């Protein structure tokens, strides 16, 4: 499923709007569309954050297909780190 994601991010007082088309797995989209798109949006926002030099960032608005607001869903996503190191 292709969706258009729009973001409004504030980097240290500078607001920026970006829009892009992304692919979301159909099986994930059918299970929970907002959550599936939120994961893709979160990954894209992290990429934008790295491109700006990891400056302080505030997520102001995230939506998909111009009508579905997923701002709060994206703000609540936290990455999980697998702790599978071979030593204790």
PDB file of N, CA and C in Angstrom:
ATOM      1  N   UNK A   1       0.845  -1.172   0.000  1.00  0.00           N
ATOM      2  CA  UNK A   1       0.000   0.000   0.000  1.00  0.00           C
ATOM      3  C   UNK A   1       0.890   1.234   0.000  1.00  0.00           C
ATOM      4  N   UNK A   2       0.623   2.164  -0.883  1.00  0.00           N
ATOM      5  CA  UNK A   2       1.376   3.411  -0.915  1.00  0.00           C
ATOM      6  C   UNK A   2       0.575   4.495  -0.209  1.00  0.00           C
ATOM      7  N   UNK A   3       1.280   5.245   0.627  1.00  0.00           N
ATOM      8  CA  UNK A   3       0.649   6.350   1.349  1.00  0.00           C
ATOM      9  C   UNK A   3       1.542   7.581   1.231  1.00  0.00           C
ATOM     10  N   UNK A   4       0.927   8.738   1.363  1.00  0.00           N
ATOM     11  CA  UNK A   4       1.669   9.998   1.373  1.00  0.00           C
ATOM     12  C   UNK A   4       1.710  10.479   2.817  1.00  0.00           C
ATOM     13  N   UNK A   5       2.929  10.652   3.330  1.00  0.00           N
ATOM     14  CA  UNK A   5       3.110  11.094   4.712  1.00  0.00           C
ATOM     15  C   UNK A   5       3.566  12.545   4.702  1.00  0.00           C
ATOM     16  N   UNK A   6       2.925  13.370   5.543  1.00  0.00           N
ATOM     17  CA  UNK A   6       3.299  14.769   5.691  1.00  0.00           C
ATOM     18  C   UNK A   6       3.781  14.992   7.120  1.00  0.00           C
ATOM     19  N   UNK A   7       4.895  15.722   7.254  1.00  0.00           N
ATOM     20  CA  UNK A   7       5.413  16.036   8.586  1.00  0.00           C
ATOM     21  C   UNK A   7       5.637  17.534   8.722  1.00  0.00           C
ATOM     22  N   UNK A   8       5.385  18.040   9.920  1.00  0.00           N
ATOM     23  CA  UNK A   8       5.764  19.399  10.299  1.00  0.00           C
ATOM     24  C   UNK A   8       6.639  19.231  11.530  1.00  0.00           C
ATOM     25  N   UNK A   9       7.931  19.542  11.367  1.00  0.00           N
ATOM     26  CA  UNK A   9       8.900  19.376  12.443  1.00  0.00           C
ATOM     27  C   UNK A   9       9.519  20.720  12.781  1.00  0.00           C
ATOM     28  N   UNK A  10       9.845  20.909  14.050  1.00  0.00           N
ATOM     29  CA  UNK A  10      10.459  22.142  14.518  1.00  0.00           C
ATOM     30  C   UNK A  10      11.859  21.807  15.016  1.00  0.00           C
ATOM     31  N   UNK A  11      12.873  22.283  14.290  1.00  0.00           N
ATOM     32  CA  UNK A  11      14.266  22.076  14.672  1.00  0.00           C
ATOM     33  C   UNK A  11      14.816  23.381  15.229  1.00  0.00           C
ATOM     34  N   UNK A  12      14.900  23.457  16.553  1.00  0.00           N
ATOM     35  CA  UNK A  12      15.454  24.622  17.245  1.00  0.00           C
ATOM     36  C   UNK A  12      14.842  25.929  16.754  1.00  0.00           C
ATOM     37  N   UNK A  13      13.519  25.962  16.631  1.00  0.00           N
ATOM     38  CA  UNK A  13      12.821  27.176  16.233  1.00  0.00           C
ATOM     39  C   UNK A  13      12.546  27.302  14.745  1.00  0.00           C
ATOM     40  N   UNK A  14      13.099  26.424  13.927  1.00  0.00           N
ATOM     41  CA  UNK A  14      12.873  26.457  12.486  1.00  0.00           C
ATOM     42  C   UNK A  14      11.897  25.357  12.114  1.00  0.00           C
ATOM     43  N   UNK A  15      10.719  25.765  11.627  1.00  0.00           N
ATOM     44  CA  UNK A  15       9.696  24.796  11.250  1.00  0.00           C
ATOM     45  C   UNK A  15       9.901  24.371   9.811  1.00  0.00           C
ATOM     46  N   UNK A  16       9.711  23.077   9.583  1.00  0.00           N
ATOM     47  CA  UNK A  16       9.857  22.560   8.233  1.00  0.00           C
ATOM     48  C   UNK A  16       8.737  21.590   7.897  1.00  0.00           C
ATOM     49  N   UNK A  17       8.231  21.702   6.672  1.00  0.00           N
ATOM     50  CA  UNK A  17       7.183  20.810   6.180  1.00  0.00           C
ATOM     51  C   UNK A  17       7.800  19.898   5.137  1.00  0.00           C
ATOM     52  N   UNK A  18       7.536  18.617   5.251  1.00  0.00           N
ATOM     53  CA  UNK A  18       7.995  17.663   4.247  1.00  0.00           C
ATOM     54  C   UNK A  18       6.867  16.700   3.934  1.00  0.00           C
ATOM     55  N   UNK A  19       6.872  16.238   2.693  1.00  0.00           N
ATOM     56  CA  UNK A  19       5.875  15.281   2.250  1.00  0.00           C
ATOM     57  C   UNK A  19       6.573  14.249   1.380  1.00  0.00           C
ATOM     58  N   UNK A  20       6.176  13.000   1.520  1.00  0.00           N
ATOM     59  CA  UNK A  20       6.784  11.951   0.713  1.00  0.00           C
ATOM     60  C   UNK A  20       5.865  10.754   0.583  1.00  0.00           C
ATOM     61  N   UNK A  21       6.084   9.977  -0.477  1.00  0.00           N
ATOM     62  CA  UNK A  21       5.287   8.777  -0.714  1.00  0.00           C
ATOM     63  C   UNK A  21       6.069   7.560  -0.243  1.00  0.00           C
ATOM     64  N   UNK A  22       5.412   6.696   0.528  1.00  0.00           N
ATOM     65  CA  UNK A  22       6.071   5.542   1.126  1.00  0.00           C
ATOM     66  C   UNK A  22       5.231   4.289   0.937  1.00  0.00           C
ATOM     67  N   UNK A  23       5.915   3.158   0.980  1.00  0.00           N
ATOM     68  CA  UNK A  23       5.243   1.863   0.885  1.00  0.00           C
ATOM     69  C   UNK A  23       5.069   1.285   2.286  1.00  0.00           C
ATOM     70  N   UNK A  24       3.863   0.845   2.588  1.00  0.00           N
ATOM     71  CA  UNK A  24       3.557   0.182   3.854  1.00  0.00           C
ATOM     72  C   UNK A  24       3.096  -1.231   3.505  1.00  0.00           C
ATOM     73  N   UNK A  25       3.623  -2.215   4.230  1.00  0.00           N
ATOM     74  CA  UNK A  25       3.249  -3.602   3.949  1.00  0.00           C
ATOM     75  C   UNK A  25       1.744  -3.779   4.078  1.00  0.00           C
ATOM     76  N   UNK A  26       1.150  -4.451   3.090  1.00  0.00           N
ATOM     77  CA  UNK A  26      -0.302  -4.636   3.062  1.00  0.00           C
ATOM     78  C   UNK A  26      -0.824  -5.355   4.299  1.00  0.00           C
ATOM     79  N   UNK A  27      -0.116  -6.388   4.741  1.00  0.00           N
ATOM     80  CA  UNK A  27      -0.588  -7.163   5.896  1.00  0.00           C
ATOM     81  C   UNK A  27      -0.600  -6.309   7.164  1.00  0.00           C
ATOM     82  N   UNK A  28       0.420  -5.455   7.325  1.00  0.00           N
ATOM     83  CA  UNK A  28       0.459  -4.550   8.480  1.00  0.00           C
ATOM     84  C   UNK A  28      -0.621  -3.484   8.369  1.00  0.00           C
ATOM     85  N   UNK A  29      -0.827  -2.981   7.143  1.00  0.00           N
ATOM     86  CA  UNK A  29      -1.817  -1.935   6.909  1.00  0.00           C
ATOM     87  C   UNK A  29      -3.222  -2.437   7.223  1.00  0.00           C
ATOM     88  N   UNK A  30      -3.509  -3.669   6.821  1.00  0.00           N
ATOM     89  CA  UNK A  30      -4.842  -4.227   7.069  1.00  0.00           C
ATOM     90  C   UNK A  30      -5.073  -4.487   8.553  1.00  0.00           C
ATOM     91  N   UNK A  31      -4.024  -4.859   9.282  1.00  0.00           N
ATOM     92  CA  UNK A  31      -4.159  -5.136  10.715  1.00  0.00           C
ATOM     93  C   UNK A  31      -4.445  -3.857  11.501  1.00  0.00           C
ATOM     94  N   UNK A  32      -3.664  -2.806  11.261  1.00  0.00           N
ATOM     95  CA  UNK A  32      -3.842  -1.519  11.951  1.00  0.00           C
ATOM     96  C   UNK A  32      -3.168  -0.445  11.105  1.00  0.00           C
ATOM     97  N   UNK A  33      -3.949   0.221  10.284  1.00  0.00           N
ATOM     98  CA  UNK A  33      -3.404   1.173   9.315  1.00  0.00           C
ATOM     99  C   UNK A  33      -2.631   2.301   9.986  1.00  0.00           C
ATOM    100  N   UNK A  34      -3.199   2.913  11.009  1.00  0.00           N
ATOM    101  CA  UNK A  34      -2.525   4.044  11.654  1.00  0.00           C
ATOM    102  C   UNK A  34      -1.199   3.636  12.272  1.00  0.00           C
ATOM    103  N   UNK A  35      -1.161   2.483  12.928  1.00  0.00           N
ATOM    104  CA  UNK A  35       0.084   2.033  13.556  1.00  0.00           C
ATOM    105  C   UNK A  35       1.135   1.701  12.501  1.00  0.00           C
ATOM    106  N   UNK A  36       0.736   1.033  11.426  1.00  0.00           N
ATOM    107  CA  UNK A  36       1.682   0.666  10.367  1.00  0.00           C
ATOM    108  C   UNK A  36       2.293   1.909   9.726  1.00  0.00           C
ATOM    109  N   UNK A  37       1.466   2.904   9.447  1.00  0.00           N
ATOM    110  CA  UNK A  37       1.967   4.143   8.848  1.00  0.00           C
ATOM    111  C   UNK A  37       2.798   4.917   9.869  1.00  0.00           C
ATOM    112  N   UNK A  38       2.438   4.854  11.133  1.00  0.00           N
ATOM    113  CA  UNK A  38       3.206   5.541  12.182  1.00  0.00           C
ATOM    114  C   UNK A  38       4.633   5.020  12.264  1.00  0.00           C
ATOM    115  N   UNK A  39       4.819   3.717  12.116  1.00  0.00           N
ATOM    116  CA  UNK A  39       6.160   3.131  12.146  1.00  0.00           C
ATOM    117  C   UNK A  39       6.998   3.676  10.994  1.00  0.00           C
ATOM    118  N   UNK A  40       6.426   3.695   9.799  1.00  0.00           N
ATOM    119  CA  UNK A  40       7.144   4.218   8.631  1.00  0.00           C
ATOM    120  C   UNK A  40       7.447   5.700   8.827  1.00  0.00           C
ATOM    121  N   UNK A  41       6.484   6.460   9.338  1.00  0.00           N
ATOM    122  CA  UNK A  41       6.688   7.893   9.578  1.00  0.00           C
ATOM    123  C   UNK A  41       7.782   8.119  10.615  1.00  0.00           C
ATOM    124  N   UNK A  42       7.792   7.324  11.678  1.00  0.00           N
ATOM    125  CA  UNK A  42       8.814   7.453  12.721  1.00  0.00           C
ATOM    126  C   UNK A  42      10.213   7.240  12.133  1.00  0.00           C
ATOM    127  N   UNK A  43      10.362   6.207  11.307  1.00  0.00           N
ATOM    128  CA  UNK A  43      11.664   5.940  10.685  1.00  0.00           C
ATOM    129  C   UNK A  43      12.088   7.107   9.797  1.00  0.00           C
ATOM    130  N   UNK A  44      11.140   7.683   9.059  1.00  0.00           N
ATOM    131  CA  UNK A  44      11.462   8.817   8.187  1.00  0.00           C
ATOM    132  C   UNK A  44      11.828  10.051   9.017  1.00  0.00           C
ATOM    133  N   UNK A  45      11.123  10.273  10.114  1.00  0.00           N
ATOM    134  CA  UNK A  45      11.434  11.408  10.986  1.00  0.00           C
ATOM    135  C   UNK A  45      12.826  11.251  11.586  1.00  0.00           C
ATOM    136  N   UNK A  46      13.194  10.036  11.976  1.00  0.00           N
ATOM    137  CA  UNK A  46      14.537   9.794  12.506  1.00  0.00           C
ATOM    138  C   UNK A  46      15.597  10.097  11.448  1.00  0.00           C
ATOM    139  N   UNK A  47      15.302   9.759  10.200  1.00  0.00           N
ATOM    140  CA  UNK A  47      16.225  10.074   9.106  1.00  0.00           C
ATOM    141  C   UNK A  47      16.363  11.588   8.956  1.00  0.00           C
ATOM    142  N   UNK A  48      15.259  12.325   9.022  1.00  0.00           N
ATOM    143  CA  UNK A  48      15.306  13.785   8.931  1.00  0.00           C
ATOM    144  C   UNK A  48      16.104  14.370  10.093  1.00  0.00           C
ATOM    145  N   UNK A  49      15.933  13.805  11.285  1.00  0.00           N
ATOM    146  CA  UNK A  49      16.656  14.262  12.471  1.00  0.00           C
ATOM    147  C   UNK A  49      18.160  14.081  12.279  1.00  0.00           C
ATOM    148  N   UNK A  50      18.576  12.926  11.743  1.00  0.00           N
ATOM    149  CA  UNK A  50      20.008  12.693  11.495  1.00  0.00           C
ATOM    150  C   UNK A  50      20.545  13.655  10.427  1.00  0.00           C
ATOM    151  N   UNK A  51      19.746  13.940   9.401  1.00  0.00           N
ATOM    152  CA  UNK A  51      20.170  14.844   8.329  1.00  0.00           C
ATOM    153  C   UNK A  51      20.385  16.268   8.832  1.00  0.00           C
ATOM    154  N   UNK A  52      19.716  16.648   9.907  1.00  0.00           N
ATOM    155  CA  UNK A  52      19.861  18.006  10.445  1.00  0.00           C
ATOM    156  C   UNK A  52      20.909  18.078  11.545  1.00  0.00           C
ATOM    157  N   UNK A  53      21.686  17.047  11.708  1.00  0.00           N
ATOM    158  CA  UNK A  53      22.759  17.071  12.695  1.00  0.00           C
ATOM    159  C   UNK A  53      22.304  16.733  14.099  1.00  0.00           C
ATOM    160  N   UNK A  54      21.219  15.990  14.222  1.00  0.00           N
ATOM    161  CA  UNK A  54      20.705  15.527  15.527  1.00  0.00           C
ATOM    162  C   UNK A  54      20.409  16.685  16.478  1.00  0.00           C
ATOM    163  N   UNK A  55      19.896  17.777  15.926  1.00  0.00           N
ATOM    164  CA  UNK A  55      19.528  18.924  16.760  1.00  0.00           C
ATOM    165  C   UNK A  55      18.222  18.656  17.498  1.00  0.00           C
ATOM    166  N   UNK A  56      17.922  19.499  18.484  1.00  0.00           N
ATOM    167  CA  UNK A  56      16.664  19.376  19.223  1.00  0.00           C
ATOM    168  C   UNK A  56      15.493  19.471  18.250  1.00  0.00           C
ATOM    169  N   UNK A  57      14.539  18.558  18.407  1.00  0.00           N
ATOM    170  CA  UNK A  57      13.432  18.484  17.467  1.00  0.00           C
ATOM    171  C   UNK A  57      12.117  18.321  18.219  1.00  0.00           C
ATOM    172  N   UNK A  58      11.084  18.986  17.706  1.00  0.00           N
ATOM    173  CA  UNK A  58       9.728  18.829  18.220  1.00  0.00           C
ATOM    174  C   UNK A  58       8.859  18.386  17.049  1.00  0.00           C
ATOM    175  N   UNK A  59       8.147  17.281  17.244  1.00  0.00           N
ATOM    176  CA  UNK A  59       7.214  16.808  16.218  1.00  0.00           C
ATOM    177  C   UNK A  59       5.911  17.574  16.410  1.00  0.00           C
ATOM    178  N   UNK A  60       5.575  18.442  15.454  1.00  0.00           N
ATOM    179  CA  UNK A  60       4.363  19.255  15.581  1.00  0.00           C
ATOM    180  C   UNK A  60       3.148  18.585  14.956  1.00  0.00           C
ATOM    181  N   UNK A  61       3.335  17.963  13.787  1.00  0.00           N
ATOM    182  CA  UNK A  61       2.198  17.316  13.131  1.00  0.00           C
ATOM    183  C   UNK A  61       2.698  16.248  12.178  1.00  0.00           C
ATOM    184  N   UNK A  62       2.011  15.108  12.189  1.00  0.00           N
ATOM    185  CA  UNK A  62       2.282  14.026  11.247  1.00  0.00           C
ATOM    186  C   UNK A  62       0.931  13.512  10.770  1.00  0.00           C
ATOM    187  N   UNK A  63       0.776  13.415   9.460  1.00  0.00           N
ATOM    188  CA  UNK A  63      -0.475  12.890   8.915  1.00  0.00           C
ATOM    189  C   UNK A  63      -0.169  12.059   7.674  1.00  0.00           C
ATOM    190  N   UNK A  64      -1.143  11.257   7.288  1.00  0.00           N
ATOM    191  CA  UNK A  64      -0.979  10.489   6.053  1.00  0.00           C
ATOM    192  C   UNK A  64      -2.218  10.665   5.187  1.00  0.00           C
ATOM    193  N   UNK A  65      -1.972  10.754   3.896  1.00  0.00           N
ATOM    194  CA  UNK A  65      -3.003  11.009   2.891  1.00  0.00           C
ATOM    195  C   UNK A  65      -3.842  12.243   3.233  1.00  0.00           C
ATOM    196  N   UNK A  66      -3.208  13.223   3.850  1.00  0.00           N
ATOM    197  CA  UNK A  66      -3.758  14.546   4.152  1.00  0.00           C
ATOM    198  C   UNK A  66      -4.963  14.556   5.085  1.00  0.00           C
ATOM    199  N   UNK A  67      -5.430  13.402   5.552  1.00  0.00           N
ATOM    200  CA  UNK A  67      -6.639  13.424   6.375  1.00  0.00           C
ATOM    201  C   UNK A  67      -6.520  12.631   7.672  1.00  0.00           C
ATOM    202  N   UNK A  68      -5.513  11.803   7.808  1.00  0.00           N
ATOM    203  CA  UNK A  68      -5.372  10.950   8.986  1.00  0.00           C
ATOM    204  C   UNK A  68      -4.238  11.466   9.865  1.00  0.00           C
ATOM    205  N   UNK A  69      -4.586  12.070  10.989  1.00  0.00           N
ATOM    206  CA  UNK A  69      -3.590  12.629  11.906  1.00  0.00           C
ATOM    207  C   UNK A  69      -3.045  11.521  12.806  1.00  0.00           C
ATOM    208  N   UNK A  70      -1.728  11.283  12.740  1.00  0.00           N
ATOM    209  CA  UNK A  70      -1.087  10.236  13.544  1.00  0.00           C
ATOM    210  C   UNK A  70       0.008  10.823  14.434  1.00  0.00           C
ATOM    211  N   UNK A  71      -0.090  12.102  14.730  1.00  0.00           N
ATOM    212  CA  UNK A  71       0.943  12.783  15.511  1.00  0.00           C
ATOM    213  C   UNK A  71       1.187  12.093  16.851  1.00  0.00           C
ATOM    214  N   UNK A  72       0.144  11.847  17.603  1.00  0.00           N
ATOM    215  CA  UNK A  72       0.306  11.242  18.932  1.00  0.00           C
ATOM    216  C   UNK A  72       0.828   9.812  18.837  1.00  0.00           C
ATOM    217  N   UNK A  73       0.385   9.072  17.817  1.00  0.00           N
ATOM    218  CA  UNK A  73       0.881   7.701  17.640  1.00  0.00           C
ATOM    219  C   UNK A  73       2.386   7.696  17.411  1.00  0.00           C
ATOM    220  N   UNK A  74       2.864   8.617  16.577  1.00  0.00           N
ATOM    221  CA  UNK A  74       4.300   8.683  16.273  1.00  0.00           C
ATOM    222  C   UNK A  74       5.088   9.099  17.512  1.00  0.00           C
ATOM    223  N   UNK A  75       4.562  10.035  18.289  1.00  0.00           N
ATOM    224  CA  UNK A  75       5.266  10.508  19.488  1.00  0.00           C
ATOM    225  C   UNK A  75       5.433   9.405  20.530  1.00  0.00           C
ATOM    226  N   UNK A  76       4.531   8.429  20.539  1.00  0.00           N
ATOM    227  CA  UNK A  76       4.594   7.365  21.540  1.00  0.00           C
ATOM    228  C   UNK A  76       5.439   6.170  21.113  1.00  0.00           C
ATOM    229  N   UNK A  77       5.960   6.173  19.896  1.00  0.00           N
ATOM    230  CA  UNK A  77       6.802   5.061  19.437  1.00  0.00           C
ATOM    231  C   UNK A  77       8.183   5.201  20.050  1.00  0.00           C
ATOM    232  N   UNK A  78       8.668   4.116  20.590  1.00  0.00           N
ATOM    233  CA  UNK A  78      10.027   4.070  21.136  1.00  0.00           C
ATOM    234  C   UNK A  78      10.726   2.853  20.554  1.00  0.00           C
ATOM    235  N   UNK A  79      11.951   3.029  20.083  1.00  0.00           N
ATOM    236  CA  UNK A  79      12.663   1.881  19.507  1.00  0.00           C
ATOM    237  C   UNK A  79      13.015   0.862  20.587  1.00  0.00           C
ATOM    238  N   UNK A  80      12.998  -0.395  20.207  1.00  0.00           N
ATOM    239  CA  UNK A  80      13.420  -1.449  21.128  1.00  0.00           C
ATOM    240  C   UNK A  80      14.766  -1.975  20.657  1.00  0.00           C
ATOM    241  N   UNK A  81      15.679  -2.082  21.581  1.00  0.00           N
ATOM    242  CA  UNK A  81      17.017  -2.562  21.269  1.00  0.00           C
ATOM    243  C   UNK A  81      17.121  -3.997  21.762  1.00  0.00           C
ATOM    244  N   UNK A  82      17.490  -4.895  20.848  1.00  0.00           N
ATOM    245  CA  UNK A  82      17.651  -6.288  21.239  1.00  0.00           C
ATOM    246  C   UNK A  82      18.959  -6.449  21.987  1.00  0.00           C
ATOM    247  N   UNK A  83      18.864  -6.992  23.172  1.00  0.00           N
ATOM    248  CA  UNK A  83      20.045  -7.201  23.997  1.00  0.00           C
ATOM    249  C   UNK A  83      20.493  -8.651  23.845  1.00  0.00           C
ATOM    250  N   UNK A  84      21.171  -8.924  22.735  1.00  0.00           N
ATOM    251  CA  UNK A  84      21.599 -10.294  22.467  1.00  0.00           C
ATOM    252  C   UNK A  84      23.127 -10.413  22.412  1.00  0.00           C
ATOM    253  N   UNK A  85      23.790  -9.637  23.232  1.00  0.00           N
ATOM    254  CA  UNK A  85      25.242  -9.700  23.273  1.00  0.00           C
ATOM    255  C   UNK A  85      25.686 -11.018  23.905  1.00  0.00           C
ATOM    256  N   UNK A  86      26.819 -11.553  23.480  1.00  0.00           N
ATOM    257  CA  UNK A  86      27.236 -12.880  23.952  1.00  0.00           C
ATOM    258  C   UNK A  86      27.813 -12.898  25.364  1.00  0.00           C
ATOM    259  N   UNK A  87      27.873 -11.775  26.031  1.00  0.00           N
ATOM    260  CA  UNK A  87      28.427 -11.752  27.382  1.00  0.00           C
ATOM    261  C   UNK A  87      27.443 -11.059  28.324  1.00  0.00           C
ATOM    262  N   UNK A  88      27.660 -11.240  29.614  1.00  0.00           N
ATOM    263  CA  UNK A  88      26.737 -10.676  30.604  1.00  0.00           C
ATOM    264  C   UNK A  88      27.226  -9.380  31.172  1.00  0.00           C
TER     265      UNK A  88
END
